[in-house]
Amino acid sequence: MTFTINNDFNKQLAEIVGKGRVKDLEHRGFLAAQIVSYRHNKNMTQQDLANAINVTKSTIGRLEAGLTTPNYKTLLALSDALQAPIIIDANRESEKANI
């Protein structure tokens, strides 16, 4: 799964809202997709995950929709509940989906 500003839509969007904003949206989408993937692999519902990390189901929904990003505490809780490593890869050269 790779998200880069290389297609016509993203280039046009970058001209309108700025390259930084497009990158921010890509990063949110990338993180959201990883949360969904790990949750599905654990056969968890949004409610199960919410209960596991002490947040509301709507918080999980917003995270998975890319509408918000987790704070540090929530990111650690997600990593623990989903048994997913936190890997920071700003270039996302790897095709692996890691939190």
Protein backbone atom coordinates (compact mmCIF):
# COMPACT_ATOMS: atom_id res chain seq x y z
CA MET A 1 0.00 0.00 0.00
CA THR A 2 1.71 3.19 -1.16
CA PHE A 3 0.39 6.72 -0.97
CA THR A 4 2.39 9.32 -2.88
CA ILE A 5 1.56 12.50 -4.69
CA ASN A 6 1.95 11.05 -8.17
CA ASN A 7 -1.49 10.85 -9.69
CA ASP A 8 -3.37 13.63 -11.44
CA PHE A 9 -5.97 14.03 -8.69
CA ASN A 10 -3.39 14.46 -5.95
CA LYS A 11 -1.38 16.88 -8.08
CA GLN A 12 -4.46 18.97 -8.77
CA LEU A 13 -5.49 18.85 -5.12
CA ALA A 14 -1.98 19.89 -4.07
CA GLU A 15 -2.25 22.94 -6.33
CA ILE A 16 -5.47 23.91 -4.55
CA VAL A 17 -4.82 23.09 -0.89
CA GLY A 18 -1.05 22.72 -0.87
CA LYS A 19 1.30 19.79 -0.96
CA GLY A 20 1.61 19.75 2.85
CA ARG A 21 -2.14 19.32 3.31
CA VAL A 22 -2.25 16.49 0.76
CA LYS A 23 0.62 14.73 2.55
CA ASP A 24 -1.24 15.14 5.86
CA LEU A 25 -4.35 13.56 4.35
CA GLU A 26 -2.27 10.73 2.88
CA HIS A 27 -0.67 10.05 6.27
CA ARG A 28 -4.06 10.01 7.99
CA GLY A 29 -5.41 7.62 5.37
CA PHE A 30 -2.39 5.37 5.66
CA LEU A 31 -2.69 5.17 9.45
CA ALA A 32 -6.47 4.67 9.28
CA ALA A 33 -6.07 1.79 6.82
CA GLN A 34 -3.55 0.12 9.10
CA ILE A 35 -5.84 0.37 12.13
CA VAL A 36 -8.71 -1.16 10.15
CA SER A 37 -6.47 -3.92 8.78
CA TYR A 38 -5.06 -4.89 12.17
CA ARG A 39 -8.52 -4.77 13.77
CA HIS A 40 -9.97 -7.03 11.08
CA ASN A 41 -7.03 -9.43 11.40
CA LYS A 42 -7.81 -9.70 15.13
CA ASN A 43 -11.52 -10.28 14.34
CA MET A 44 -12.42 -7.29 16.48
CA THR A 45 -15.36 -4.96 16.04
CA GLN A 46 -14.96 -1.23 16.49
CA GLN A 47 -16.72 -1.65 19.85
CA ASP A 48 -14.28 -4.40 20.89
CA LEU A 49 -11.33 -2.15 20.10
CA ALA A 50 -12.95 0.83 21.81
CA ASN A 51 -13.51 -1.24 24.96
CA ALA A 52 -9.93 -2.53 24.86
CA ILE A 53 -8.43 0.96 24.83
CA ASN A 54 -11.07 2.80 26.90
CA VAL A 55 -12.45 5.11 24.22
CA THR A 56 -15.84 5.39 22.56
CA LYS A 57 -16.81 3.48 19.45
CA SER A 58 -17.22 6.81 17.67
CA THR A 59 -13.57 7.62 18.44
CA ILE A 60 -12.53 4.41 16.68
CA GLY A 61 -14.83 5.29 13.79
CA ARG A 62 -13.26 8.74 13.44
CA LEU A 63 -9.75 7.25 13.58
CA GLU A 64 -10.60 4.65 10.94
CA ALA A 65 -12.21 7.28 8.71
CA GLY A 66 -9.09 9.43 8.93
CA LEU A 67 -11.05 12.28 10.47
CA THR A 68 -8.72 12.47 13.46
CA THR A 69 -5.33 11.16 14.45
CA PRO A 70 -4.56 9.41 17.71
CA ASN A 71 -2.58 11.16 20.41
CA TYR A 72 0.49 9.44 21.83
CA LYS A 73 -1.42 7.68 24.63
CA THR A 74 -4.08 6.38 22.24
CA LEU A 75 -1.45 5.26 19.72
CA LEU A 76 0.30 3.21 22.41
CA ALA A 77 -3.03 1.72 23.50
CA LEU A 78 -3.88 0.82 19.89
CA SER A 79 -0.48 -0.80 19.44
CA ASP A 80 -0.97 -2.86 22.59
CA ALA A 81 -4.58 -3.88 21.87
CA LEU A 82 -3.87 -4.80 18.25
CA GLN A 83 -0.47 -6.33 19.02
CA ALA A 84 0.93 -4.12 16.28
CA PRO A 85 4.37 -2.51 16.30
CA ILE A 86 4.73 1.23 16.04
CA ILE A 87 7.05 1.89 13.12
CA ILE A 88 7.75 5.41 11.98
CA ASP A 89 8.46 5.42 8.25
CA ALA A 90 7.82 8.88 6.83
CA ASN A 91 8.87 7.69 3.38
CA ARG A 92 6.73 4.55 3.55
CA GLU A 93 9.10 2.72 1.23
CA SER A 94 7.96 -0.52 2.79
CA GLU A 95 4.80 -2.12 1.43
CA LYS A 96 4.04 -3.59 4.87
CA ALA A 97 1.22 -2.07 6.88
CA ASN A 98 2.60 -1.26 10.32
CA ILE A 99 1.30 1.11 12.94
